[in-house]
Amino acid sequence: MVWSVTISPDSKYIISGSEDCSIKIFDIENQKEIFHFEKVHTGEMIQLLIFIFSVDTVCTVAISQDMKYLVSGSRDKSIKIFDFTQRKELFHFQNAHEGNLGGL
């Protein structure tokens, strides 16, 4: 199941985030998939739970206005930043949302 879709600022690409823990990039003009980040939000502990809770579903994707960065958010409480042109992960904010209200 696709959970999130966005269009690049130049309107050339569609980026999708899916329940299968992946992100795909599609070329709109040529109507084809050009890249697939497989299992981007999985870890050892999460893999034990995936079949029960699907905790690593990619729920949202976004691309920066300058098209340098692709960002994903997951049910595993993490956020990842990717280099859009080089198609590689740059940073992983693990447990970015642990339910801590920051002293409120």
N, C-alpha and C. Protein backbone atom coordinates (compact mmCIF):
# COMPACT_ATOMS: atom_id res chain seq x y z
N MET A 1 0.83 -1.16 0.00
CA MET A 1 0.00 0.00 0.00
C MET A 1 0.89 1.24 0.00
N VAL A 2 0.57 2.20 -0.85
CA VAL A 2 1.29 3.47 -0.90
C VAL A 2 0.70 4.39 0.17
N TRP A 3 1.56 4.96 1.02
CA TRP A 3 1.12 5.83 2.10
C TRP A 3 1.33 7.30 1.80
N SER A 4 2.32 7.61 0.96
CA SER A 4 2.64 9.01 0.72
C SER A 4 3.19 9.18 -0.69
N VAL A 5 2.84 10.33 -1.29
CA VAL A 5 3.34 10.64 -2.63
C VAL A 5 3.63 12.14 -2.68
N THR A 6 4.71 12.50 -3.36
CA THR A 6 5.02 13.90 -3.57
C THR A 6 5.61 14.07 -4.97
N ILE A 7 5.52 15.28 -5.47
CA ILE A 7 6.09 15.60 -6.79
C ILE A 7 7.28 16.54 -6.56
N SER A 8 8.36 16.31 -7.28
CA SER A 8 9.54 17.15 -7.15
C SER A 8 9.22 18.59 -7.59
N PRO A 9 9.96 19.56 -7.06
CA PRO A 9 9.73 20.96 -7.40
C PRO A 9 9.82 21.27 -8.90
N ASP A 10 10.60 20.49 -9.63
CA ASP A 10 10.71 20.70 -11.08
C ASP A 10 9.65 19.93 -11.86
N SER A 11 8.78 19.23 -11.15
CA SER A 11 7.67 18.45 -11.74
C SER A 11 8.14 17.32 -12.67
N LYS A 12 9.35 16.84 -12.46
CA LYS A 12 9.88 15.74 -13.28
C LYS A 12 9.73 14.38 -12.62
N TYR A 13 9.61 14.36 -11.28
CA TYR A 13 9.61 13.09 -10.56
C TYR A 13 8.44 12.99 -9.58
N ILE A 14 8.00 11.76 -9.39
CA ILE A 14 7.06 11.42 -8.33
C ILE A 14 7.83 10.53 -7.36
N ILE A 15 7.71 10.81 -6.08
CA ILE A 15 8.36 10.00 -5.05
C ILE A 15 7.26 9.43 -4.17
N SER A 16 7.33 8.12 -3.90
CA SER A 16 6.31 7.47 -3.08
C SER A 16 6.93 6.75 -1.90
N GLY A 17 6.18 6.71 -0.80
CA GLY A 17 6.56 5.96 0.39
C GLY A 17 5.52 4.88 0.61
N SER A 18 5.97 3.70 1.00
CA SER A 18 5.07 2.55 1.00
C SER A 18 5.10 1.73 2.28
N GLU A 19 4.05 0.94 2.44
CA GLU A 19 3.93 0.01 3.56
C GLU A 19 5.03 -1.06 3.53
N ASP A 20 5.62 -1.31 2.36
CA ASP A 20 6.68 -2.32 2.26
C ASP A 20 8.04 -1.76 2.69
N CYS A 21 8.03 -0.60 3.35
CA CYS A 21 9.24 0.02 3.92
C CYS A 21 10.16 0.61 2.86
N SER A 22 9.64 0.91 1.69
CA SER A 22 10.49 1.40 0.61
C SER A 22 10.05 2.77 0.11
N ILE A 23 10.97 3.40 -0.63
CA ILE A 23 10.70 4.66 -1.32
C ILE A 23 11.04 4.42 -2.78
N LYS A 24 10.16 4.88 -3.67
CA LYS A 24 10.42 4.75 -5.11
C LYS A 24 10.40 6.13 -5.76
N ILE A 25 11.24 6.29 -6.77
CA ILE A 25 11.29 7.52 -7.55
C ILE A 25 10.89 7.16 -8.98
N PHE A 26 9.92 7.91 -9.50
CA PHE A 26 9.42 7.67 -10.85
C PHE A 26 9.68 8.89 -11.73
N ASP A 27 10.05 8.64 -12.97
CA ASP A 27 10.21 9.69 -13.98
C ASP A 27 8.84 9.89 -14.62
N ILE A 28 8.26 11.09 -14.48
CA ILE A 28 6.91 11.34 -14.98
C ILE A 28 6.86 11.29 -16.51
N GLU A 29 7.80 11.96 -17.16
CA GLU A 29 7.78 12.04 -18.63
C GLU A 29 7.89 10.66 -19.28
N ASN A 30 8.81 9.84 -18.77
CA ASN A 30 9.02 8.50 -19.35
C ASN A 30 8.12 7.44 -18.72
N GLN A 31 7.36 7.81 -17.71
CA GLN A 31 6.41 6.93 -17.04
C GLN A 31 7.04 5.62 -16.58
N LYS A 32 8.20 5.76 -15.87
CA LYS A 32 8.84 4.54 -15.37
C LYS A 32 9.56 4.80 -14.06
N GLU A 33 9.73 3.73 -13.29
CA GLU A 33 10.49 3.79 -12.04
C GLU A 33 11.96 3.95 -12.39
N ILE A 34 12.63 4.89 -11.70
CA ILE A 34 14.05 5.08 -11.96
C ILE A 34 14.94 4.70 -10.78
N PHE A 35 14.34 4.61 -9.56
CA PHE A 35 15.13 4.20 -8.42
C PHE A 35 14.23 3.65 -7.33
N HIS A 36 14.77 2.70 -6.55
CA HIS A 36 14.02 2.05 -5.48
C HIS A 36 14.91 1.92 -4.25
N PHE A 37 14.60 2.68 -3.20
CA PHE A 37 15.26 2.52 -1.91
C PHE A 37 14.51 1.41 -1.20
N GLU A 38 15.09 0.23 -1.09
CA GLU A 38 14.40 -0.90 -0.47
C GLU A 38 14.64 -0.92 1.04
N LYS A 39 13.60 -1.28 1.78
CA LYS A 39 13.69 -1.48 3.24
C LYS A 39 14.45 -0.36 3.93
N VAL A 40 14.06 0.89 3.69
CA VAL A 40 14.79 2.02 4.25
C VAL A 40 14.58 2.23 5.74
N HIS A 41 13.50 1.76 6.29
CA HIS A 41 13.23 1.96 7.72
C HIS A 41 13.10 0.63 8.43
N THR A 42 14.16 -0.16 8.40
CA THR A 42 14.14 -1.42 9.14
C THR A 42 15.40 -1.54 9.98
N GLY A 43 15.30 -2.25 11.05
CA GLY A 43 16.43 -2.53 11.94
C GLY A 43 16.21 -3.88 12.57
N GLU A 44 17.19 -4.37 13.31
CA GLU A 44 17.09 -5.70 13.89
C GLU A 44 15.87 -5.87 14.78
N MET A 45 15.63 -4.93 15.68
CA MET A 45 14.48 -5.04 16.58
C MET A 45 13.17 -4.91 15.81
N ILE A 46 13.15 -4.04 14.85
CA ILE A 46 11.94 -3.81 14.07
C ILE A 46 11.61 -5.03 13.22
N GLN A 47 12.62 -5.69 12.68
CA GLN A 47 12.37 -6.85 11.85
C GLN A 47 11.67 -7.96 12.63
N LEU A 48 11.88 -8.02 13.92
CA LEU A 48 11.19 -9.02 14.73
C LEU A 48 9.70 -8.72 14.83
N LEU A 49 9.34 -7.44 14.70
CA LEU A 49 7.96 -7.02 14.88
C LEU A 49 7.23 -6.74 13.58
N ILE A 50 7.91 -6.70 12.47
CA ILE A 50 7.32 -6.22 11.22
C ILE A 50 6.05 -6.97 10.83
N PHE A 51 6.02 -8.24 11.03
CA PHE A 51 4.85 -9.01 10.60
C PHE A 51 3.65 -8.81 11.52
N ILE A 52 3.90 -8.37 12.73
CA ILE A 52 2.81 -8.14 13.67
C ILE A 52 2.32 -6.69 13.62
N PHE A 53 3.25 -5.74 13.62
CA PHE A 53 2.89 -4.35 13.76
C PHE A 53 3.15 -3.46 12.55
N SER A 54 3.89 -3.91 11.57
CA SER A 54 4.30 -3.09 10.42
C SER A 54 4.82 -1.74 10.88
N VAL A 55 5.73 -1.75 11.85
CA VAL A 55 6.18 -0.52 12.47
C VAL A 55 7.13 0.30 11.61
N ASP A 56 7.57 -0.24 10.49
CA ASP A 56 8.54 0.49 9.69
C ASP A 56 7.98 0.99 8.37
N THR A 57 6.68 1.10 8.25
CA THR A 57 6.03 1.64 7.07
C THR A 57 6.53 3.07 6.83
N VAL A 58 6.87 3.40 5.59
CA VAL A 58 7.23 4.77 5.23
C VAL A 58 5.92 5.53 5.06
N CYS A 59 5.64 6.41 6.01
CA CYS A 59 4.36 7.12 6.04
C CYS A 59 4.37 8.44 5.28
N THR A 60 5.54 9.04 5.15
CA THR A 60 5.60 10.32 4.47
C THR A 60 6.95 10.52 3.78
N VAL A 61 6.93 11.21 2.66
CA VAL A 61 8.14 11.56 1.93
C VAL A 61 8.04 13.02 1.50
N ALA A 62 9.18 13.69 1.43
CA ALA A 62 9.23 15.08 0.98
C ALA A 62 10.57 15.31 0.30
N ILE A 63 10.60 16.28 -0.58
CA ILE A 63 11.85 16.63 -1.27
C ILE A 63 12.08 18.13 -1.08
N SER A 64 13.33 18.50 -0.87
CA SER A 64 13.65 19.92 -0.66
C SER A 64 13.45 20.70 -1.95
N GLN A 65 13.22 22.01 -1.81
CA GLN A 65 12.98 22.86 -2.98
C GLN A 65 14.15 22.86 -3.95
N ASP A 66 15.38 22.73 -3.44
CA ASP A 66 16.55 22.71 -4.31
C ASP A 66 16.85 21.31 -4.84
N MET A 67 16.02 20.34 -4.47
CA MET A 67 16.12 18.94 -4.91
C MET A 67 17.42 18.26 -4.48
N LYS A 68 18.04 18.76 -3.42
CA LYS A 68 19.24 18.11 -2.90
C LYS A 68 18.89 16.97 -1.96
N TYR A 69 17.78 17.13 -1.21
CA TYR A 69 17.47 16.17 -0.16
C TYR A 69 16.07 15.57 -0.30
N LEU A 70 16.01 14.29 0.02
CA LEU A 70 14.75 13.56 0.11
C LEU A 70 14.64 13.14 1.58
N VAL A 71 13.48 13.34 2.18
CA VAL A 71 13.28 13.03 3.59
C VAL A 71 12.12 12.06 3.72
N SER A 72 12.27 11.10 4.64
CA SER A 72 11.17 10.15 4.88
C SER A 72 10.91 10.05 6.38
N GLY A 73 9.65 9.80 6.70
CA GLY A 73 9.24 9.57 8.08
C GLY A 73 8.54 8.24 8.15
N SER A 74 8.74 7.53 9.26
CA SER A 74 8.24 6.16 9.36
C SER A 74 7.51 5.93 10.67
N ARG A 75 6.68 4.88 10.67
CA ARG A 75 6.01 4.45 11.89
C ARG A 75 6.99 3.91 12.92
N ASP A 76 8.24 3.67 12.53
CA ASP A 76 9.25 3.21 13.49
C ASP A 76 9.81 4.38 14.32
N LYS A 77 9.17 5.57 14.21
CA LYS A 77 9.52 6.78 14.95
C LYS A 77 10.81 7.41 14.47
N SER A 78 11.23 7.11 13.25
CA SER A 78 12.48 7.68 12.76
C SER A 78 12.26 8.53 11.51
N ILE A 79 13.27 9.36 11.26
CA ILE A 79 13.30 10.22 10.07
C ILE A 79 14.63 9.96 9.39
N LYS A 80 14.60 9.84 8.06
CA LYS A 80 15.84 9.66 7.31
C LYS A 80 15.97 10.76 6.27
N ILE A 81 17.24 11.16 6.04
CA ILE A 81 17.55 12.14 5.01
C ILE A 81 18.44 11.45 3.98
N PHE A 82 18.08 11.63 2.70
CA PHE A 82 18.82 11.04 1.59
C PHE A 82 19.34 12.13 0.67
N ASP A 83 20.48 11.87 0.03
CA ASP A 83 20.97 12.73 -1.04
C ASP A 83 20.17 12.33 -2.28
N PHE A 84 19.37 13.25 -2.80
CA PHE A 84 18.47 12.91 -3.91
C PHE A 84 19.24 12.59 -5.19
N THR A 85 20.28 13.34 -5.51
CA THR A 85 21.00 13.11 -6.77
C THR A 85 21.90 11.89 -6.71
N GLN A 86 22.52 11.64 -5.55
CA GLN A 86 23.41 10.48 -5.44
C GLN A 86 22.69 9.22 -4.98
N ARG A 87 21.40 9.37 -4.59
CA ARG A 87 20.55 8.24 -4.18
C ARG A 87 21.16 7.44 -3.03
N LYS A 88 21.60 8.18 -1.97
CA LYS A 88 22.16 7.47 -0.82
C LYS A 88 21.69 8.13 0.47
N GLU A 89 21.63 7.32 1.52
CA GLU A 89 21.22 7.81 2.83
C GLU A 89 22.33 8.66 3.43
N LEU A 90 21.94 9.83 3.98
CA LEU A 90 22.89 10.71 4.63
C LEU A 90 22.82 10.66 6.14
N PHE A 91 21.59 10.60 6.68
CA PHE A 91 21.45 10.64 8.13
C PHE A 91 20.17 9.94 8.57
N HIS A 92 20.21 9.36 9.76
CA HIS A 92 19.07 8.65 10.31
C HIS A 92 18.80 9.17 11.72
N PHE A 93 17.69 9.87 11.92
CA PHE A 93 17.26 10.30 13.24
C PHE A 93 16.47 9.15 13.84
N GLN A 94 17.12 8.29 14.62
CA GLN A 94 16.44 7.16 15.23
C GLN A 94 15.62 7.63 16.42
N ASN A 95 14.47 7.02 16.62
CA ASN A 95 13.59 7.35 17.73
C ASN A 95 13.34 8.86 17.85
N ALA A 96 13.11 9.49 16.72
CA ALA A 96 12.89 10.94 16.69
C ALA A 96 11.63 11.33 17.46
N HIS A 97 10.70 10.43 17.57
CA HIS A 97 9.45 10.72 18.28
C HIS A 97 9.15 9.61 19.27
N GLU A 98 9.69 9.76 20.44
CA GLU A 98 9.52 8.77 21.51
C GLU A 98 8.35 9.09 22.40
N GLY A 99 7.54 10.08 22.04
CA GLY A 99 6.42 10.44 22.88
C GLY A 99 6.76 11.45 23.96
N ASN A 100 8.00 11.95 23.96
CA ASN A 100 8.43 12.93 24.92
C ASN A 100 7.87 14.30 24.52
N LEU A 101 7.17 14.94 25.43
CA LEU A 101 6.55 16.24 25.12
C LEU A 101 7.47 17.40 25.45
N GLY A 102 8.73 17.12 25.69
CA GLY A 102 9.70 18.19 25.91
C GLY A 102 9.43 19.05 27.13
N GLY A 103 8.95 18.42 28.20
CA GLY A 103 8.73 19.15 29.45
C GLY A 103 7.39 19.85 29.54
N LEU A 104 6.53 19.65 28.55
CA LEU A 104 5.20 20.30 28.60
C LEU A 104 4.28 19.58 29.55
